[in-house]
Amino acid sequence: DYIVQDWTQEPYIRGSYVDISSLEAIRTMQEPIDSKIFFAGEALPIDQDWGYAHSAALSGKEAAYKILGFSSPGKTDDSNMVY
């Protein structure tokens, strides 16, 4: 079994790409809200490729480090990433 996803029909996504016109907005979303809500995804790495799965994985790793209170591994450090 498989599903063919039509992202253009998703009401909250509509197949949109990341908007890289505002680095300020990206930096804002990189910061947690009340140390309780953390964001991650393909749109958030400032020094990586936007819109790709590896960028989503790296930003997820970055958010996990923040949640656990560890120092950041650095956005360009994917040496321990399992793809």
PDB file of N, CA and C in Angstrom:
ATOM      1  N   ASP A   1       0.827  -1.182   0.000  1.00  0.00           N
ATOM      2  CA  ASP A   1       0.000   0.000   0.000  1.00  0.00           C
ATOM      3  C   ASP A   1       0.873   1.247   0.000  1.00  0.00           C
ATOM      4  N   TYR A   2       0.362   2.305  -0.589  1.00  0.00           N
ATOM      5  CA  TYR A   2       1.080   3.570  -0.581  1.00  0.00           C
ATOM      6  C   TYR A   2       0.082   4.717  -0.735  1.00  0.00           C
ATOM      7  N   ILE A   3       0.536   5.880  -0.396  1.00  0.00           N
ATOM      8  CA  ILE A   3      -0.281   7.084  -0.503  1.00  0.00           C
ATOM      9  C   ILE A   3       0.447   8.071  -1.392  1.00  0.00           C
ATOM     10  N   VAL A   4      -0.246   8.628  -2.346  1.00  0.00           N
ATOM     11  CA  VAL A   4       0.298   9.712  -3.152  1.00  0.00           C
ATOM     12  C   VAL A   4      -0.227  11.008  -2.550  1.00  0.00           C
ATOM     13  N   GLN A   5       0.678  11.780  -1.974  1.00  0.00           N
ATOM     14  CA  GLN A   5       0.296  13.008  -1.283  1.00  0.00           C
ATOM     15  C   GLN A   5       0.297  14.185  -2.247  1.00  0.00           C
ATOM     16  N   ASP A   6      -0.778  14.921  -2.283  1.00  0.00           N
ATOM     17  CA  ASP A   6      -0.868  16.146  -3.077  1.00  0.00           C
ATOM     18  C   ASP A   6      -0.802  17.325  -2.111  1.00  0.00           C
ATOM     19  N   TRP A   7       0.403  17.830  -1.907  1.00  0.00           N
ATOM     20  CA  TRP A   7       0.615  18.882  -0.920  1.00  0.00           C
ATOM     21  C   TRP A   7      -0.128  20.162  -1.267  1.00  0.00           C
ATOM     22  N   THR A   8      -0.446  20.367  -2.531  1.00  0.00           N
ATOM     23  CA  THR A   8      -1.173  21.583  -2.913  1.00  0.00           C
ATOM     24  C   THR A   8      -2.602  21.577  -2.390  1.00  0.00           C
ATOM     25  N   GLN A   9      -3.096  20.403  -1.989  1.00  0.00           N
ATOM     26  CA  GLN A   9      -4.458  20.295  -1.468  1.00  0.00           C
ATOM     27  C   GLN A   9      -4.528  20.345   0.057  1.00  0.00           C
ATOM     28  N   GLU A  10      -3.376  20.393   0.713  1.00  0.00           N
ATOM     29  CA  GLU A  10      -3.355  20.484   2.169  1.00  0.00           C
ATOM     30  C   GLU A  10      -3.704  21.914   2.584  1.00  0.00           C
ATOM     31  N   PRO A  11      -4.736  22.110   3.406  1.00  0.00           N
ATOM     32  CA  PRO A  11      -5.210  23.460   3.711  1.00  0.00           C
ATOM     33  C   PRO A  11      -4.208  24.326   4.464  1.00  0.00           C
ATOM     34  N   TYR A  12      -3.301  23.733   5.214  1.00  0.00           N
ATOM     35  CA  TYR A  12      -2.352  24.531   5.987  1.00  0.00           C
ATOM     36  C   TYR A  12      -0.978  24.620   5.334  1.00  0.00           C
ATOM     37  N   ILE A  13      -0.793  23.907   4.252  1.00  0.00           N
ATOM     38  CA  ILE A  13       0.515  23.870   3.593  1.00  0.00           C
ATOM     39  C   ILE A  13       0.429  24.444   2.185  1.00  0.00           C
ATOM     40  N   ARG A  14      -0.471  23.903   1.405  1.00  0.00           N
ATOM     41  CA  ARG A  14      -0.707  24.333   0.025  1.00  0.00           C
ATOM     42  C   ARG A  14       0.534  24.254  -0.850  1.00  0.00           C
ATOM     43  N   GLY A  15       1.438  23.367  -0.521  1.00  0.00           N
ATOM     44  CA  GLY A  15       2.603  23.140  -1.369  1.00  0.00           C
ATOM     45  C   GLY A  15       3.595  24.278  -1.379  1.00  0.00           C
ATOM     46  N   SER A  16       3.587  25.090  -0.365  1.00  0.00           N
ATOM     47  CA  SER A  16       4.451  26.267  -0.375  1.00  0.00           C
ATOM     48  C   SER A  16       5.902  25.918  -0.075  1.00  0.00           C
ATOM     49  N   TYR A  17       6.771  26.766  -0.548  1.00  0.00           N
ATOM     50  CA  TYR A  17       8.194  26.658  -0.269  1.00  0.00           C
ATOM     51  C   TYR A  17       8.538  27.595   0.877  1.00  0.00           C
ATOM     52  N   VAL A  18       9.697  27.386   1.434  1.00  0.00           N
ATOM     53  CA  VAL A  18      10.176  28.266   2.485  1.00  0.00           C
ATOM     54  C   VAL A  18      10.383  29.666   1.913  1.00  0.00           C
ATOM     55  N   ASP A  19      10.045  30.665   2.703  1.00  0.00           N
ATOM     56  CA  ASP A  19      10.231  32.055   2.298  1.00  0.00           C
ATOM     57  C   ASP A  19      11.555  32.532   2.873  1.00  0.00           C
ATOM     58  N   ILE A  20      12.572  32.598   2.031  1.00  0.00           N
ATOM     59  CA  ILE A  20      13.892  32.992   2.513  1.00  0.00           C
ATOM     60  C   ILE A  20      14.111  34.494   2.397  1.00  0.00           C
ATOM     61  N   SER A  21      13.055  35.248   2.173  1.00  0.00           N
ATOM     62  CA  SER A  21      13.199  36.694   2.027  1.00  0.00           C
ATOM     63  C   SER A  21      13.379  37.381   3.379  1.00  0.00           C
ATOM     64  N   SER A  22      13.140  36.687   4.465  1.00  0.00           N
ATOM     65  CA  SER A  22      13.249  37.306   5.776  1.00  0.00           C
ATOM     66  C   SER A  22      14.086  36.456   6.724  1.00  0.00           C
ATOM     67  N   LEU A  23      15.372  36.752   6.787  1.00  0.00           N
ATOM     68  CA  LEU A  23      16.229  36.038   7.732  1.00  0.00           C
ATOM     69  C   LEU A  23      15.846  36.379   9.163  1.00  0.00           C
ATOM     70  N   GLU A  24      15.306  37.565   9.371  1.00  0.00           N
ATOM     71  CA  GLU A  24      14.852  37.946  10.709  1.00  0.00           C
ATOM     72  C   GLU A  24      13.738  37.019  11.184  1.00  0.00           C
ATOM     73  N   ALA A  25      12.807  36.678  10.304  1.00  0.00           N
ATOM     74  CA  ALA A  25      11.719  35.760  10.672  1.00  0.00           C
ATOM     75  C   ALA A  25      12.268  34.377  10.995  1.00  0.00           C
ATOM     76  N   ILE A  26      13.250  33.930  10.234  1.00  0.00           N
ATOM     77  CA  ILE A  26      13.854  32.623  10.487  1.00  0.00           C
ATOM     78  C   ILE A  26      14.551  32.634  11.844  1.00  0.00           C
ATOM     79  N   ARG A  27      15.298  33.682  12.121  1.00  0.00           N
ATOM     80  CA  ARG A  27      15.991  33.779  13.415  1.00  0.00           C
ATOM     81  C   ARG A  27      14.988  33.810  14.572  1.00  0.00           C
ATOM     82  N   THR A  28      13.872  34.480  14.376  1.00  0.00           N
ATOM     83  CA  THR A  28      12.835  34.537  15.406  1.00  0.00           C
ATOM     84  C   THR A  28      12.279  33.156  15.682  1.00  0.00           C
ATOM     85  N   MET A  29      12.036  32.380  14.630  1.00  0.00           N
ATOM     86  CA  MET A  29      11.475  31.035  14.819  1.00  0.00           C
ATOM     87  C   MET A  29      12.485  30.052  15.389  1.00  0.00           C
ATOM     88  N   GLN A  30      13.767  30.374  15.312  1.00  0.00           N
ATOM     89  CA  GLN A  30      14.774  29.501  15.901  1.00  0.00           C
ATOM     90  C   GLN A  30      14.788  29.589  17.427  1.00  0.00           C
ATOM     91  N   GLU A  31      14.213  30.648  17.966  1.00  0.00           N
ATOM     92  CA  GLU A  31      14.208  30.831  19.412  1.00  0.00           C
ATOM     93  C   GLU A  31      12.969  30.176  20.030  1.00  0.00           C
ATOM     94  N   PRO A  32      13.153  29.470  21.137  1.00  0.00           N
ATOM     95  CA  PRO A  32      12.003  28.830  21.791  1.00  0.00           C
ATOM     96  C   PRO A  32      11.062  29.863  22.399  1.00  0.00           C
ATOM     97  N   ILE A  33       9.824  29.467  22.558  1.00  0.00           N
ATOM     98  CA  ILE A  33       8.815  30.307  23.204  1.00  0.00           C
ATOM     99  C   ILE A  33       8.648  29.812  24.631  1.00  0.00           C
ATOM    100  N   ASP A  34       8.938  30.690  25.577  1.00  0.00           N
ATOM    101  CA  ASP A  34       8.833  30.355  27.005  1.00  0.00           C
ATOM    102  C   ASP A  34       9.593  29.077  27.371  1.00  0.00           C
ATOM    103  N   SER A  35      10.620  28.774  26.661  1.00  0.00           N
ATOM    104  CA  SER A  35      11.420  27.556  26.883  1.00  0.00           C
ATOM    105  C   SER A  35      10.574  26.290  26.847  1.00  0.00           C
ATOM    106  N   LYS A  36       9.427  26.361  26.175  1.00  0.00           N
ATOM    107  CA  LYS A  36       8.523  25.208  26.106  1.00  0.00           C
ATOM    108  C   LYS A  36       8.179  24.793  24.683  1.00  0.00           C
ATOM    109  N   ILE A  37       8.180  25.731  23.772  1.00  0.00           N
ATOM    110  CA  ILE A  37       7.829  25.434  22.386  1.00  0.00           C
ATOM    111  C   ILE A  37       9.057  25.678  21.522  1.00  0.00           C
ATOM    112  N   PHE A  38       9.480  24.640  20.816  1.00  0.00           N
ATOM    113  CA  PHE A  38      10.664  24.710  19.968  1.00  0.00           C
ATOM    114  C   PHE A  38      10.250  24.371  18.541  1.00  0.00           C
ATOM    115  N   PHE A  39      10.828  25.062  17.596  1.00  0.00           N
ATOM    116  CA  PHE A  39      10.507  24.825  16.198  1.00  0.00           C
ATOM    117  C   PHE A  39      11.697  24.184  15.493  1.00  0.00           C
ATOM    118  N   ALA A  40      11.393  23.348  14.531  1.00  0.00           N
ATOM    119  CA  ALA A  40      12.417  22.742  13.686  1.00  0.00           C
ATOM    120  C   ALA A  40      11.793  22.503  12.320  1.00  0.00           C
ATOM    121  N   GLY A  41      12.627  22.421  11.321  1.00  0.00           N
ATOM    122  CA  GLY A  41      12.123  22.141   9.990  1.00  0.00           C
ATOM    123  C   GLY A  41      13.070  22.615   8.912  1.00  0.00           C
ATOM    124  N   GLU A  42      12.729  22.309   7.691  1.00  0.00           N
ATOM    125  CA  GLU A  42      13.596  22.602   6.561  1.00  0.00           C
ATOM    126  C   GLU A  42      13.806  24.089   6.345  1.00  0.00           C
ATOM    127  N   ALA A  43      12.975  24.929   6.929  1.00  0.00           N
ATOM    128  CA  ALA A  43      13.064  26.372   6.710  1.00  0.00           C
ATOM    129  C   ALA A  43      13.983  27.072   7.695  1.00  0.00           C
ATOM    130  N   LEU A  44      14.419  26.403   8.753  1.00  0.00           N
ATOM    131  CA  LEU A  44      15.074  27.113   9.839  1.00  0.00           C
ATOM    132  C   LEU A  44      16.595  27.207   9.818  1.00  0.00           C
ATOM    133  N   PRO A  45      17.332  26.313   9.217  1.00  0.00           N
ATOM    134  CA  PRO A  45      18.783  26.501   9.234  1.00  0.00           C
ATOM    135  C   PRO A  45      19.195  27.728   8.416  1.00  0.00           C
ATOM    136  N   ILE A  46      19.915  28.652   9.049  1.00  0.00           N
ATOM    137  CA  ILE A  46      20.333  29.855   8.333  1.00  0.00           C
ATOM    138  C   ILE A  46      21.508  29.566   7.405  1.00  0.00           C
ATOM    139  N   ASP A  47      22.408  28.697   7.830  1.00  0.00           N
ATOM    140  CA  ASP A  47      23.606  28.461   7.022  1.00  0.00           C
ATOM    141  C   ASP A  47      23.573  27.109   6.297  1.00  0.00           C
ATOM    142  N   GLN A  48      22.383  26.589   6.060  1.00  0.00           N
ATOM    143  CA  GLN A  48      22.235  25.333   5.321  1.00  0.00           C
ATOM    144  C   GLN A  48      21.296  25.549   4.141  1.00  0.00           C
ATOM    145  N   ASP A  49      21.108  24.514   3.365  1.00  0.00           N
ATOM    146  CA  ASP A  49      20.184  24.582   2.240  1.00  0.00           C
ATOM    147  C   ASP A  49      18.755  24.552   2.750  1.00  0.00           C
ATOM    148  N   TRP A  50      17.958  25.519   2.329  1.00  0.00           N
ATOM    149  CA  TRP A  50      16.554  25.542   2.708  1.00  0.00           C
ATOM    150  C   TRP A  50      15.758  24.568   1.851  1.00  0.00           C
ATOM    151  N   GLY A  51      14.756  23.979   2.448  1.00  0.00           N
ATOM    152  CA  GLY A  51      13.821  23.168   1.684  1.00  0.00           C
ATOM    153  C   GLY A  51      14.216  21.721   1.485  1.00  0.00           C
ATOM    154  N   TYR A  52      15.214  21.251   2.182  1.00  0.00           N
ATOM    155  CA  TYR A  52      15.673  19.881   1.995  1.00  0.00           C
ATOM    156  C   TYR A  52      15.537  19.076   3.287  1.00  0.00           C
ATOM    157  N   ALA A  53      15.424  17.770   3.138  1.00  0.00           N
ATOM    158  CA  ALA A  53      15.238  16.895   4.292  1.00  0.00           C
ATOM    159  C   ALA A  53      16.416  16.960   5.256  1.00  0.00           C
ATOM    160  N   HIS A  54      17.633  17.054   4.731  1.00  0.00           N
ATOM    161  CA  HIS A  54      18.782  17.088   5.639  1.00  0.00           C
ATOM    162  C   HIS A  54      18.778  18.367   6.481  1.00  0.00           C
ATOM    163  N   SER A  55      18.269  19.462   5.932  1.00  0.00           N
ATOM    164  CA  SER A  55      18.166  20.695   6.716  1.00  0.00           C
ATOM    165  C   SER A  55      17.134  20.534   7.827  1.00  0.00           C
ATOM    166  N   ALA A  56      16.044  19.851   7.530  1.00  0.00           N
ATOM    167  CA  ALA A  56      15.031  19.584   8.564  1.00  0.00           C
ATOM    168  C   ALA A  56      15.624  18.722   9.665  1.00  0.00           C
ATOM    169  N   ALA A  57      16.398  17.706   9.279  1.00  0.00           N
ATOM    170  CA  ALA A  57      17.018  16.823  10.271  1.00  0.00           C
ATOM    171  C   ALA A  57      18.014  17.584  11.134  1.00  0.00           C
ATOM    172  N   LEU A  58      18.816  18.441  10.523  1.00  0.00           N
ATOM    173  CA  LEU A  58      19.797  19.209  11.290  1.00  0.00           C
ATOM    174  C   LEU A  58      19.124  20.195  12.231  1.00  0.00           C
ATOM    175  N   SER A  59      18.044  20.831  11.790  1.00  0.00           N
ATOM    176  CA  SER A  59      17.371  21.779  12.679  1.00  0.00           C
ATOM    177  C   SER A  59      16.645  21.037  13.803  1.00  0.00           C
ATOM    178  N   GLY A  60      16.186  19.827  13.529  1.00  0.00           N
ATOM    179  CA  GLY A  60      15.600  18.998  14.583  1.00  0.00           C
ATOM    180  C   GLY A  60      16.636  18.622  15.629  1.00  0.00           C
ATOM    181  N   LYS A  61      17.831  18.302  15.166  1.00  0.00           N
ATOM    182  CA  LYS A  61      18.929  17.987  16.077  1.00  0.00           C
ATOM    183  C   LYS A  61      19.269  19.212  16.918  1.00  0.00           C
ATOM    184  N   GLU A  62      19.303  20.381  16.298  1.00  0.00           N
ATOM    185  CA  GLU A  62      19.576  21.629  16.998  1.00  0.00           C
ATOM    186  C   GLU A  62      18.519  21.891  18.073  1.00  0.00           C
ATOM    187  N   ALA A  63      17.238  21.698  17.718  1.00  0.00           N
ATOM    188  CA  ALA A  63      16.149  21.904  18.683  1.00  0.00           C
ATOM    189  C   ALA A  63      16.254  20.908  19.840  1.00  0.00           C
ATOM    190  N   ALA A  64      16.606  19.668  19.539  1.00  0.00           N
ATOM    191  CA  ALA A  64      16.751  18.655  20.594  1.00  0.00           C
ATOM    192  C   ALA A  64      17.853  19.046  21.573  1.00  0.00           C
ATOM    193  N   TYR A  65      18.964  19.558  21.062  1.00  0.00           N
ATOM    194  CA  TYR A  65      20.039  20.015  21.939  1.00  0.00           C
ATOM    195  C   TYR A  65      19.545  21.131  22.845  1.00  0.00           C
ATOM    196  N   LYS A  66      18.775  22.067  22.295  1.00  0.00           N
ATOM    197  CA  LYS A  66      18.240  23.163  23.108  1.00  0.00           C
ATOM    198  C   LYS A  66      17.289  22.629  24.182  1.00  0.00           C
ATOM    199  N   ILE A  67      16.436  21.706  23.816  1.00  0.00           N
ATOM    200  CA  ILE A  67      15.470  21.141  24.753  1.00  0.00           C
ATOM    201  C   ILE A  67      16.182  20.433  25.907  1.00  0.00           C
ATOM    202  N   LEU A  68      17.230  19.697  25.585  1.00  0.00           N
ATOM    203  CA  LEU A  68      17.964  18.944  26.597  1.00  0.00           C
ATOM    204  C   LEU A  68      18.953  19.803  27.378  1.00  0.00           C
ATOM    205  N   GLY A  69      19.122  21.054  26.938  1.00  0.00           N
ATOM    206  CA  GLY A  69      20.007  21.964  27.645  1.00  0.00           C
ATOM    207  C   GLY A  69      21.474  21.782  27.338  1.00  0.00           C
ATOM    208  N   PHE A  70      21.788  21.075  26.255  1.00  0.00           N
ATOM    209  CA  PHE A  70      23.176  20.900  25.850  1.00  0.00           C
ATOM    210  C   PHE A  70      23.611  22.061  24.978  1.00  0.00           C
ATOM    211  N   SER A  71      24.916  22.257  24.897  1.00  0.00           N
ATOM    212  CA  SER A  71      25.397  23.266  23.965  1.00  0.00           C
ATOM    213  C   SER A  71      25.169  22.756  22.551  1.00  0.00           C
ATOM    214  N   SER A  72      24.952  23.668  21.676  1.00  0.00           N
ATOM    215  CA  SER A  72      24.614  23.343  20.295  1.00  0.00           C
ATOM    216  C   SER A  72      25.757  22.627  19.592  1.00  0.00           C
ATOM    217  N   PRO A  73      25.432  21.639  18.749  1.00  0.00           N
ATOM    218  CA  PRO A  73      26.476  20.979  17.967  1.00  0.00           C
ATOM    219  C   PRO A  73      26.943  21.848  16.812  1.00  0.00           C
ATOM    220  N   GLY A  74      26.232  22.947  16.547  1.00  0.00           N
ATOM    221  CA  GLY A  74      26.545  23.788  15.399  1.00  0.00           C
ATOM    222  C   GLY A  74      25.738  23.386  14.198  1.00  0.00           C
ATOM    223  N   LYS A  75      25.213  24.337  13.501  1.00  0.00           N
ATOM    224  CA  LYS A  75      24.314  24.051  12.394  1.00  0.00           C
ATOM    225  C   LYS A  75      24.999  23.369  11.222  1.00  0.00           C
ATOM    226  N   THR A  76      26.292  23.485  11.109  1.00  0.00           N
ATOM    227  CA  THR A  76      26.968  22.846   9.990  1.00  0.00           C
ATOM    228  C   THR A  76      27.558  21.493  10.362  1.00  0.00           C
ATOM    229  N   ASP A  77      27.410  21.077  11.608  1.00  0.00           N
ATOM    230  CA  ASP A  77      27.969  19.817  12.066  1.00  0.00           C
ATOM    231  C   ASP A  77      26.974  18.693  11.871  1.00  0.00           C
ATOM    232  N   ASP A  78      27.131  17.959  10.789  1.00  0.00           N
ATOM    233  CA  ASP A  78      26.245  16.818  10.582  1.00  0.00           C
ATOM    234  C   ASP A  78      27.051  15.514  10.572  1.00  0.00           C
ATOM    235  N   SER A  79      28.226  15.524  11.186  1.00  0.00           N
ATOM    236  CA  SER A  79      29.097  14.359  11.157  1.00  0.00           C
ATOM    237  C   SER A  79      28.501  13.149  11.867  1.00  0.00           C
ATOM    238  N   ASN A  80      27.625  13.392  12.850  1.00  0.00           N
ATOM    239  CA  ASN A  80      27.008  12.282  13.577  1.00  0.00           C
ATOM    240  C   ASN A  80      25.569  12.014  13.149  1.00  0.00           C
ATOM    241  N   MET A  81      25.146  12.682  12.098  1.00  0.00           N
ATOM    242  CA  MET A  81      23.755  12.544  11.644  1.00  0.00           C
ATOM    243  C   MET A  81      23.563  11.210  10.941  1.00  0.00           C
ATOM    244  N   VAL A  82      22.503  10.534  11.296  1.00  0.00           N
ATOM    245  CA  VAL A  82      22.137   9.289  10.634  1.00  0.00           C
ATOM    246  C   VAL A  82      21.010   9.603   9.663  1.00  0.00           C
ATOM    247  N   TYR A  83      21.240   9.373   8.404  1.00  0.00           N
ATOM    248  CA  TYR A  83      20.228   9.685   7.384  1.00  0.00           C
ATOM    249  C   TYR A  83      19.453   8.447   7.022  1.00  0.00           C
TER     250      TYR A  83
END
